[in-house]
Amino acid sequence: MTTDTSERGLERLICSALTGHPCEPPKTGTVGEAPVAYGGVGWSCGNAHDHEREYCVDLVQLAAFLHTTQPKVAETVSLDTNGPTRRKFLARLQGEISKRGTIDVLRSGIKRGAHELELFYGTPSAGNDKARERFGQNRFTVARQLRYSRDETQRARWTWRCSSTVCRSSPSS
């Protein structure tokens, strides 16, 4: 058996370890269910097309997380509609991450008006069923390749890791 030692081969191995399958990029214009995972450690495959370059976030996953866990807050941030409300919220989220760091924003959330947004639910203690249910609502995704640059969209390619609903990049080598 031949081993794929290319960057693509490494990406496939990482995705397979996290999700149970290699996270092949979806074909343009197709919609389908993700294959059933065999193995993996609780992550699912993200879709690079759902990534918002301007704010470095997977809009589909963030919207789904908020709609599931905090429906009233989800309505106020209008992630499903591209408009000033969504852009203002995403700019605020980006600003908080820049100021406080991704880990602190995930742990502590952010405030929006009268609402406190939770972006991650921590590991539950034994016997705490409510905390276990909330922890199960976290969304951990990995996307094989995302293009981060708005100016040179085809030239710069990075491999991304997403934790819960917020993404941060690391250069691929």
N, C-alpha and C. Protein backbone atom coordinates (compact mmCIF):
# COMPACT_ATOMS: atom_id res chain seq x y z
N MET A 1 0.84 -1.18 0.00
CA MET A 1 0.00 0.00 0.00
C MET A 1 0.89 1.25 0.00
N THR A 2 0.60 2.20 -0.85
CA THR A 2 1.37 3.43 -0.97
C THR A 2 0.87 4.46 0.04
N THR A 3 1.80 5.12 0.69
CA THR A 3 1.46 6.17 1.65
C THR A 3 1.48 7.52 0.94
N ASP A 4 0.44 8.30 1.14
CA ASP A 4 0.35 9.65 0.56
C ASP A 4 1.06 10.62 1.50
N THR A 5 2.25 11.08 1.11
CA THR A 5 3.03 11.98 1.95
C THR A 5 2.86 13.43 1.56
N SER A 6 1.86 13.72 0.75
CA SER A 6 1.60 15.10 0.33
C SER A 6 0.85 15.85 1.42
N GLU A 7 0.72 17.17 1.23
CA GLU A 7 -0.08 17.98 2.16
C GLU A 7 -1.51 17.47 2.21
N ARG A 8 -2.07 17.13 1.04
CA ARG A 8 -3.43 16.59 0.97
C ARG A 8 -3.55 15.30 1.80
N GLY A 9 -2.51 14.44 1.72
CA GLY A 9 -2.53 13.21 2.50
C GLY A 9 -2.53 13.48 3.99
N LEU A 10 -1.73 14.47 4.43
CA LEU A 10 -1.70 14.84 5.84
C LEU A 10 -3.06 15.38 6.28
N GLU A 11 -3.66 16.23 5.45
CA GLU A 11 -4.99 16.77 5.78
C GLU A 11 -6.01 15.64 5.94
N ARG A 12 -5.97 14.67 5.03
CA ARG A 12 -6.89 13.53 5.10
C ARG A 12 -6.70 12.76 6.42
N LEU A 13 -5.43 12.56 6.81
CA LEU A 13 -5.15 11.84 8.06
C LEU A 13 -5.69 12.60 9.27
N ILE A 14 -5.47 13.92 9.31
CA ILE A 14 -5.95 14.74 10.43
C ILE A 14 -7.47 14.68 10.49
N CYS A 15 -8.12 14.88 9.36
CA CYS A 15 -9.58 14.85 9.34
C CYS A 15 -10.11 13.48 9.74
N SER A 16 -9.48 12.43 9.26
CA SER A 16 -9.92 11.08 9.61
C SER A 16 -9.77 10.81 11.11
N ALA A 17 -8.69 11.31 11.70
CA ALA A 17 -8.48 11.13 13.14
C ALA A 17 -9.53 11.87 13.95
N LEU A 18 -9.91 13.07 13.50
CA LEU A 18 -10.87 13.89 14.24
C LEU A 18 -12.32 13.49 13.99
N THR A 19 -12.64 13.13 12.74
CA THR A 19 -14.04 12.94 12.37
C THR A 19 -14.41 11.50 12.03
N GLY A 20 -13.43 10.69 11.67
CA GLY A 20 -13.73 9.33 11.24
C GLY A 20 -13.78 9.19 9.74
N HIS A 21 -13.69 10.26 9.00
CA HIS A 21 -13.60 10.22 7.54
C HIS A 21 -12.79 11.41 7.05
N PRO A 22 -12.33 11.39 5.78
CA PRO A 22 -11.32 12.36 5.34
C PRO A 22 -11.82 13.77 5.01
N CYS A 23 -13.09 14.08 5.19
CA CYS A 23 -13.60 15.44 4.96
C CYS A 23 -13.30 15.95 3.56
N GLU A 24 -13.64 15.18 2.58
CA GLU A 24 -13.44 15.63 1.20
C GLU A 24 -14.28 16.87 0.96
N PRO A 25 -13.72 17.88 0.30
CA PRO A 25 -14.50 19.10 0.01
C PRO A 25 -15.73 18.75 -0.83
N PRO A 26 -16.88 19.36 -0.53
CA PRO A 26 -18.09 19.06 -1.29
C PRO A 26 -17.96 19.58 -2.72
N LYS A 27 -18.63 18.88 -3.64
CA LYS A 27 -18.64 19.36 -5.01
C LYS A 27 -19.52 20.59 -5.08
N THR A 28 -19.16 21.51 -5.95
CA THR A 28 -19.91 22.75 -6.09
C THR A 28 -21.34 22.46 -6.50
N GLY A 29 -22.28 23.11 -5.81
CA GLY A 29 -23.68 22.99 -6.16
C GLY A 29 -24.35 21.72 -5.68
N THR A 30 -23.72 20.96 -4.79
CA THR A 30 -24.34 19.74 -4.29
C THR A 30 -24.64 19.88 -2.81
N VAL A 31 -25.67 19.21 -2.39
CA VAL A 31 -26.04 19.18 -0.98
C VAL A 31 -26.21 17.73 -0.60
N GLY A 32 -25.65 17.35 0.52
CA GLY A 32 -25.78 15.97 0.95
C GLY A 32 -25.47 15.82 2.41
N GLU A 33 -25.81 14.68 2.93
CA GLU A 33 -25.52 14.37 4.33
C GLU A 33 -24.08 13.91 4.45
N ALA A 34 -23.47 14.23 5.56
CA ALA A 34 -22.12 13.76 5.82
C ALA A 34 -22.16 12.25 6.01
N PRO A 35 -21.11 11.53 5.56
CA PRO A 35 -21.09 10.08 5.76
C PRO A 35 -21.04 9.74 7.24
N VAL A 36 -21.53 8.56 7.56
CA VAL A 36 -21.51 8.09 8.94
C VAL A 36 -20.06 7.92 9.36
N ALA A 37 -19.73 8.45 10.52
CA ALA A 37 -18.34 8.41 10.99
C ALA A 37 -18.01 7.07 11.62
N TYR A 38 -16.87 6.54 11.26
CA TYR A 38 -16.31 5.36 11.90
C TYR A 38 -15.03 5.82 12.57
N GLY A 39 -15.00 5.84 13.87
CA GLY A 39 -13.85 6.37 14.58
C GLY A 39 -14.06 7.84 14.86
N GLY A 40 -12.96 8.59 14.90
CA GLY A 40 -13.06 10.01 15.20
C GLY A 40 -13.21 10.24 16.68
N VAL A 41 -13.14 11.53 17.05
CA VAL A 41 -13.21 11.89 18.46
C VAL A 41 -14.25 12.98 18.70
N GLY A 42 -15.34 12.96 17.95
CA GLY A 42 -16.43 13.88 18.21
C GLY A 42 -16.50 15.10 17.31
N TRP A 43 -15.57 15.27 16.41
CA TRP A 43 -15.60 16.39 15.48
C TRP A 43 -16.41 16.00 14.25
N SER A 44 -16.90 16.99 13.52
CA SER A 44 -17.55 16.73 12.24
C SER A 44 -16.87 17.58 11.18
N CYS A 45 -17.11 17.23 9.93
CA CYS A 45 -16.49 17.96 8.83
C CYS A 45 -17.22 19.27 8.59
N GLY A 46 -16.47 20.35 8.52
CA GLY A 46 -17.04 21.63 8.16
C GLY A 46 -17.02 21.81 6.65
N ASN A 47 -17.70 22.83 6.19
CA ASN A 47 -17.75 23.14 4.77
C ASN A 47 -17.07 24.49 4.57
N ALA A 48 -16.04 24.51 3.76
CA ALA A 48 -15.30 25.76 3.52
C ALA A 48 -16.18 26.85 2.94
N HIS A 49 -17.25 26.48 2.25
CA HIS A 49 -18.15 27.47 1.66
C HIS A 49 -18.98 28.21 2.71
N ASP A 50 -19.07 27.67 3.92
CA ASP A 50 -19.82 28.30 5.00
C ASP A 50 -18.98 29.30 5.79
N HIS A 51 -17.71 29.38 5.48
CA HIS A 51 -16.78 30.24 6.20
C HIS A 51 -16.91 31.68 5.72
N GLU A 52 -17.07 32.59 6.66
CA GLU A 52 -17.14 34.03 6.37
C GLU A 52 -15.74 34.60 6.53
N ARG A 53 -15.08 34.91 5.41
CA ARG A 53 -13.69 35.40 5.45
C ARG A 53 -13.53 36.68 6.24
N GLU A 54 -14.45 37.60 6.07
CA GLU A 54 -14.35 38.91 6.70
C GLU A 54 -14.21 38.80 8.23
N TYR A 55 -14.95 37.87 8.83
CA TYR A 55 -14.98 37.77 10.29
C TYR A 55 -14.39 36.47 10.83
N CYS A 56 -13.89 35.62 9.95
CA CYS A 56 -13.24 34.37 10.36
C CYS A 56 -14.17 33.51 11.23
N VAL A 57 -15.33 33.18 10.67
CA VAL A 57 -16.29 32.37 11.41
C VAL A 57 -17.09 31.51 10.44
N ASP A 58 -17.49 30.34 10.89
CA ASP A 58 -18.36 29.46 10.12
C ASP A 58 -19.80 29.88 10.47
N LEU A 59 -20.41 30.65 9.59
CA LEU A 59 -21.74 31.21 9.86
C LEU A 59 -22.81 30.14 10.06
N VAL A 60 -22.76 29.08 9.28
CA VAL A 60 -23.77 28.02 9.39
C VAL A 60 -23.70 27.36 10.76
N GLN A 61 -22.49 27.02 11.20
CA GLN A 61 -22.34 26.37 12.51
C GLN A 61 -22.69 27.31 13.66
N LEU A 62 -22.25 28.56 13.57
CA LEU A 62 -22.56 29.53 14.62
C LEU A 62 -24.07 29.75 14.71
N ALA A 63 -24.72 29.93 13.58
CA ALA A 63 -26.18 30.14 13.58
C ALA A 63 -26.90 28.91 14.13
N ALA A 64 -26.48 27.73 13.71
CA ALA A 64 -27.13 26.50 14.20
C ALA A 64 -26.94 26.34 15.70
N PHE A 65 -25.74 26.63 16.20
CA PHE A 65 -25.47 26.53 17.63
C PHE A 65 -26.36 27.49 18.41
N LEU A 66 -26.42 28.74 17.97
CA LEU A 66 -27.23 29.73 18.68
C LEU A 66 -28.72 29.43 18.59
N HIS A 67 -29.21 29.00 17.43
CA HIS A 67 -30.64 28.66 17.28
C HIS A 67 -31.02 27.50 18.21
N THR A 68 -30.11 26.53 18.35
CA THR A 68 -30.38 25.37 19.19
C THR A 68 -30.30 25.69 20.67
N THR A 69 -29.29 26.47 21.05
CA THR A 69 -29.01 26.67 22.47
C THR A 69 -29.59 27.96 23.05
N GLN A 70 -29.72 29.00 22.22
CA GLN A 70 -30.16 30.31 22.70
C GLN A 70 -31.03 30.98 21.63
N PRO A 71 -32.23 30.45 21.40
CA PRO A 71 -33.07 30.95 20.29
C PRO A 71 -33.39 32.44 20.36
N LYS A 72 -33.60 32.99 21.54
CA LYS A 72 -33.91 34.42 21.65
C LYS A 72 -32.72 35.26 21.20
N VAL A 73 -31.53 34.87 21.61
CA VAL A 73 -30.32 35.57 21.22
C VAL A 73 -30.11 35.43 19.71
N ALA A 74 -30.36 34.24 19.17
CA ALA A 74 -30.18 34.00 17.74
C ALA A 74 -31.03 34.96 16.91
N GLU A 75 -32.22 35.25 17.38
CA GLU A 75 -33.09 36.19 16.67
C GLU A 75 -32.48 37.59 16.67
N THR A 76 -31.89 38.01 17.78
CA THR A 76 -31.38 39.37 17.88
C THR A 76 -30.13 39.62 17.05
N VAL A 77 -29.34 38.57 16.75
CA VAL A 77 -28.10 38.77 16.00
C VAL A 77 -28.30 38.57 14.50
N SER A 78 -29.42 38.04 14.07
CA SER A 78 -29.79 37.92 12.65
C SER A 78 -28.70 37.31 11.79
N LEU A 79 -28.15 36.17 12.20
CA LEU A 79 -27.09 35.54 11.43
C LEU A 79 -27.57 34.98 10.09
N ASP A 80 -28.85 34.75 9.97
CA ASP A 80 -29.39 34.19 8.73
C ASP A 80 -29.58 35.23 7.63
N THR A 81 -29.47 36.51 7.98
CA THR A 81 -29.67 37.59 7.02
C THR A 81 -28.44 38.47 6.96
N ASN A 82 -27.94 38.67 5.75
CA ASN A 82 -26.76 39.54 5.59
C ASN A 82 -27.23 40.99 5.66
N GLY A 83 -26.99 41.60 6.79
CA GLY A 83 -27.40 42.98 6.98
C GLY A 83 -26.57 43.63 8.07
N PRO A 84 -26.92 44.87 8.41
CA PRO A 84 -26.13 45.60 9.41
C PRO A 84 -26.13 44.94 10.79
N THR A 85 -27.22 44.30 11.18
CA THR A 85 -27.28 43.67 12.51
C THR A 85 -26.29 42.53 12.59
N ARG A 86 -26.28 41.68 11.56
CA ARG A 86 -25.33 40.56 11.54
C ARG A 86 -23.89 41.07 11.49
N ARG A 87 -23.61 42.03 10.63
CA ARG A 87 -22.24 42.54 10.51
C ARG A 87 -21.77 43.18 11.81
N LYS A 88 -22.66 43.90 12.48
CA LYS A 88 -22.29 44.53 13.75
C LYS A 88 -21.97 43.47 14.81
N PHE A 89 -22.79 42.42 14.87
CA PHE A 89 -22.53 41.35 15.83
C PHE A 89 -21.21 40.64 15.52
N LEU A 90 -20.98 40.31 14.25
CA LEU A 90 -19.75 39.61 13.88
C LEU A 90 -18.52 40.47 14.12
N ALA A 91 -18.63 41.77 13.89
CA ALA A 91 -17.51 42.67 14.18
C ALA A 91 -17.25 42.70 15.68
N ARG A 92 -18.30 42.69 16.47
CA ARG A 92 -18.16 42.66 17.93
C ARG A 92 -17.48 41.36 18.37
N LEU A 93 -17.91 40.25 17.82
CA LEU A 93 -17.31 38.95 18.14
C LEU A 93 -15.84 38.95 17.76
N GLN A 94 -15.52 39.43 16.58
CA GLN A 94 -14.13 39.50 16.12
C GLN A 94 -13.31 40.41 17.04
N GLY A 95 -13.88 41.54 17.44
CA GLY A 95 -13.19 42.46 18.34
C GLY A 95 -12.91 41.85 19.70
N GLU A 96 -13.87 41.12 20.23
CA GLU A 96 -13.68 40.46 21.52
C GLU A 96 -12.59 39.39 21.43
N ILE A 97 -12.57 38.65 20.34
CA ILE A 97 -11.54 37.62 20.16
C ILE A 97 -10.17 38.28 20.05
N SER A 98 -10.08 39.38 19.32
CA SER A 98 -8.80 40.09 19.18
C SER A 98 -8.33 40.63 20.52
N LYS A 99 -9.25 41.14 21.32
CA LYS A 99 -8.90 41.75 22.60
C LYS A 99 -8.64 40.71 23.68
N ARG A 100 -9.52 39.71 23.81
CA ARG A 100 -9.44 38.77 24.93
C ARG A 100 -8.88 37.41 24.57
N GLY A 101 -8.87 37.07 23.28
CA GLY A 101 -8.40 35.76 22.84
C GLY A 101 -9.55 34.78 22.67
N THR A 102 -9.34 33.81 21.81
CA THR A 102 -10.38 32.83 21.48
C THR A 102 -10.82 32.04 22.70
N ILE A 103 -9.88 31.55 23.49
CA ILE A 103 -10.21 30.71 24.64
C ILE A 103 -11.09 31.45 25.64
N ASP A 104 -10.74 32.70 25.97
CA ASP A 104 -11.54 33.46 26.92
C ASP A 104 -12.95 33.73 26.37
N VAL A 105 -13.05 34.03 25.09
CA VAL A 105 -14.37 34.29 24.49
C VAL A 105 -15.20 33.01 24.52
N LEU A 106 -14.58 31.86 24.24
CA LEU A 106 -15.33 30.61 24.32
C LEU A 106 -15.76 30.31 25.75
N ARG A 107 -14.86 30.50 26.70
CA ARG A 107 -15.19 30.19 28.10
C ARG A 107 -16.20 31.16 28.71
N SER A 108 -16.04 32.44 28.42
CA SER A 108 -16.85 33.47 29.10
C SER A 108 -17.98 34.03 28.25
N GLY A 109 -17.96 33.80 26.95
CA GLY A 109 -19.00 34.34 26.08
C GLY A 109 -18.83 35.83 25.88
N ILE A 110 -19.85 36.46 25.29
CA ILE A 110 -19.84 37.90 25.09
C ILE A 110 -21.22 38.46 25.40
N LYS A 111 -21.27 39.74 25.70
CA LYS A 111 -22.54 40.41 25.96
C LYS A 111 -23.00 41.11 24.70
N ARG A 112 -24.30 41.08 24.48
CA ARG A 112 -24.93 41.81 23.38
C ARG A 112 -26.20 42.42 23.94
N GLY A 113 -26.15 43.71 24.22
CA GLY A 113 -27.30 44.36 24.82
C GLY A 113 -27.64 43.72 26.15
N ALA A 114 -28.88 43.29 26.29
CA ALA A 114 -29.33 42.65 27.53
C ALA A 114 -28.98 41.16 27.58
N HIS A 115 -28.43 40.64 26.49
CA HIS A 115 -28.17 39.20 26.40
C HIS A 115 -26.70 38.88 26.63
N GLU A 116 -26.48 37.73 27.24
CA GLU A 116 -25.13 37.18 27.36
C GLU A 116 -25.09 35.94 26.49
N LEU A 117 -24.25 35.97 25.46
CA LEU A 117 -24.14 34.85 24.54
C LEU A 117 -23.11 33.86 25.05
N GLU A 118 -23.51 32.61 25.13
CA GLU A 118 -22.58 31.54 25.45
C GLU A 118 -22.19 30.90 24.13
N LEU A 119 -20.88 30.69 23.94
CA LEU A 119 -20.39 30.14 22.69
C LEU A 119 -19.81 28.74 22.85
N PHE A 120 -19.80 28.24 24.08
CA PHE A 120 -19.24 26.92 24.36
C PHE A 120 -19.75 26.47 25.72
N TYR A 121 -20.02 25.18 25.85
CA TYR A 121 -20.41 24.62 27.13
C TYR A 121 -19.31 23.67 27.59
N GLY A 122 -18.79 23.91 28.80
CA GLY A 122 -17.65 23.15 29.33
C GLY A 122 -17.99 21.72 29.67
N THR A 123 -16.95 20.96 29.97
CA THR A 123 -17.09 19.55 30.32
C THR A 123 -17.96 19.41 31.56
N PRO A 124 -18.98 18.57 31.49
CA PRO A 124 -19.89 18.43 32.64
C PRO A 124 -19.29 17.58 33.76
N SER A 125 -19.72 17.87 34.97
CA SER A 125 -19.32 17.04 36.10
C SER A 125 -20.20 15.80 36.14
N ALA A 126 -19.74 14.78 36.81
CA ALA A 126 -20.48 13.52 36.89
C ALA A 126 -21.86 13.75 37.51
N GLY A 127 -22.87 13.19 36.89
CA GLY A 127 -24.23 13.28 37.42
C GLY A 127 -24.98 14.55 37.06
N ASN A 128 -24.36 15.47 36.37
CA ASN A 128 -25.01 16.72 35.99
C ASN A 128 -25.59 16.56 34.58
N ASP A 129 -26.84 16.08 34.52
CA ASP A 129 -27.46 15.78 33.23
C ASP A 129 -27.67 17.01 32.36
N LYS A 130 -28.04 18.12 32.97
CA LYS A 130 -28.25 19.35 32.20
C LYS A 130 -26.95 19.81 31.55
N ALA A 131 -25.85 19.78 32.31
CA ALA A 131 -24.55 20.18 31.77
C ALA A 131 -24.10 19.21 30.68
N ARG A 132 -24.39 17.92 30.84
CA ARG A 132 -24.02 16.93 29.82
C ARG A 132 -24.80 17.20 28.54
N GLU A 133 -26.08 17.55 28.67
CA GLU A 133 -26.89 17.86 27.50
C GLU A 133 -26.35 19.10 26.78
N ARG A 134 -26.03 20.13 27.54
CA ARG A 134 -25.46 21.35 26.94
C ARG A 134 -24.13 21.07 26.27
N PHE A 135 -23.26 20.32 26.93
CA PHE A 135 -21.96 19.99 26.35
C PHE A 135 -22.15 19.27 25.01
N GLY A 136 -23.16 18.43 24.93
CA GLY A 136 -23.46 17.71 23.69
C GLY A 136 -23.92 18.62 22.56
N GLN A 137 -24.30 19.85 22.87
CA GLN A 137 -24.74 20.79 21.84
C GLN A 137 -23.60 21.59 21.23
N ASN A 138 -22.39 21.47 21.79
CA ASN A 138 -21.22 22.11 21.19
C ASN A 138 -21.03 21.58 19.78
N ARG A 139 -20.46 22.39 18.93
CA ARG A 139 -20.18 22.00 17.55
C ARG A 139 -18.69 22.14 17.29
N PHE A 140 -18.04 21.02 17.05
CA PHE A 140 -16.62 21.01 16.74
C PHE A 140 -16.47 20.56 15.30
N THR A 141 -15.93 21.43 14.47
CA THR A 141 -15.77 21.10 13.06
C THR A 141 -14.35 21.37 12.60
N VAL A 142 -13.97 20.67 11.56
CA VAL A 142 -12.67 20.89 10.92
C VAL A 142 -12.93 20.95 9.42
N ALA A 143 -12.35 21.94 8.77
CA ALA A 143 -12.45 22.09 7.32
C ALA A 143 -11.06 21.89 6.74
N ARG A 144 -10.98 21.14 5.67
CA ARG A 144 -9.67 20.81 5.09
C ARG A 144 -8.90 22.03 4.63
N GLN A 145 -9.50 22.88 3.87
CA GLN A 145 -8.80 24.06 3.35
C GLN A 145 -9.76 25.23 3.32
N LEU A 146 -9.31 26.34 3.84
CA LEU A 146 -10.06 27.59 3.74
C LEU A 146 -9.14 28.64 3.17
N ARG A 147 -9.67 29.44 2.29
CA ARG A 147 -8.90 30.56 1.77
C ARG A 147 -9.27 31.77 2.62
N TYR A 148 -8.26 32.34 3.27
CA TYR A 148 -8.53 33.41 4.22
C TYR A 148 -8.43 34.80 3.61
N SER A 149 -7.68 34.96 2.55
CA SER A 149 -7.40 36.28 2.00
C SER A 149 -8.56 36.78 1.15
N ARG A 150 -8.95 38.03 1.34
CA ARG A 150 -9.98 38.63 0.49
C ARG A 150 -9.37 39.19 -0.78
N ASP A 151 -8.08 39.54 -0.74
CA ASP A 151 -7.42 40.16 -1.89
C ASP A 151 -6.89 39.12 -2.88
N GLU A 152 -6.18 38.13 -2.37
CA GLU A 152 -5.58 37.12 -3.24
C GLU A 152 -6.22 35.78 -2.89
N THR A 153 -7.48 35.63 -3.29
CA THR A 153 -8.31 34.52 -2.82
C THR A 153 -7.81 33.15 -3.26
N GLN A 154 -7.13 33.04 -4.37
CA GLN A 154 -6.67 31.74 -4.82
C GLN A 154 -5.23 31.44 -4.41
N ARG A 155 -4.48 32.46 -4.07
CA ARG A 155 -3.05 32.29 -3.82
C ARG A 155 -2.73 31.76 -2.44
N ALA A 156 -3.31 32.32 -1.40
CA ALA A 156 -2.98 31.94 -0.02
C ALA A 156 -3.96 30.89 0.47
N ARG A 157 -3.42 29.76 0.88
CA ARG A 157 -4.27 28.68 1.39
C ARG A 157 -3.75 28.27 2.76
N TRP A 158 -4.63 28.12 3.68
CA TRP A 158 -4.28 27.73 5.04
C TRP A 158 -5.15 26.57 5.46
N THR A 159 -4.63 25.78 6.37
CA THR A 159 -5.42 24.73 6.99
C THR A 159 -6.00 25.31 8.27
N TRP A 160 -7.26 25.05 8.51
CA TRP A 160 -7.95 25.65 9.66
C TRP A 160 -8.44 24.60 10.62
N ARG A 161 -8.45 24.98 11.88
CA ARG A 161 -9.08 24.17 12.91
C ARG A 161 -10.16 25.02 13.56
N CYS A 162 -11.31 24.45 13.72
CA CYS A 162 -12.41 25.19 14.35
C CYS A 162 -12.75 24.53 15.67
N SER A 163 -12.96 25.33 16.67
CA SER A 163 -13.35 24.83 17.97
C SER A 163 -14.67 25.46 18.34
N SER A 164 -15.64 24.62 18.57
CA SER A 164 -17.01 25.04 18.84
C SER A 164 -17.49 25.88 17.66
N THR A 165 -17.69 27.18 17.82
CA THR A 165 -18.27 27.97 16.74
C THR A 165 -17.31 29.00 16.19
N VAL A 166 -16.15 29.14 16.77
CA VAL A 166 -15.21 30.17 16.38
C VAL A 166 -13.97 29.53 15.79
N CYS A 167 -13.45 30.08 14.69
CA CYS A 167 -12.31 29.48 13.99
C CYS A 167 -11.07 30.35 14.15
N ARG A 168 -9.96 29.70 14.17
CA ARG A 168 -8.67 30.38 14.11
C ARG A 168 -7.78 29.58 13.20
N SER A 169 -6.83 30.23 12.58
CA SER A 169 -6.02 29.57 11.55
C SER A 169 -4.63 29.23 12.03
N SER A 170 -4.03 28.29 11.29
CA SER A 170 -2.61 28.00 11.44
C SER A 170 -2.09 27.71 10.04
N PRO A 171 -0.89 28.19 9.73
CA PRO A 171 -0.40 28.02 8.36
C PRO A 171 -0.13 26.56 8.04
N SER A 172 -0.47 26.17 6.82
CA SER A 172 -0.13 24.82 6.39
C SER A 172 1.27 24.83 5.84
N SER A 173 1.96 23.72 5.97
CA SER A 173 3.33 23.67 5.48
C SER A 173 3.50 22.56 4.49
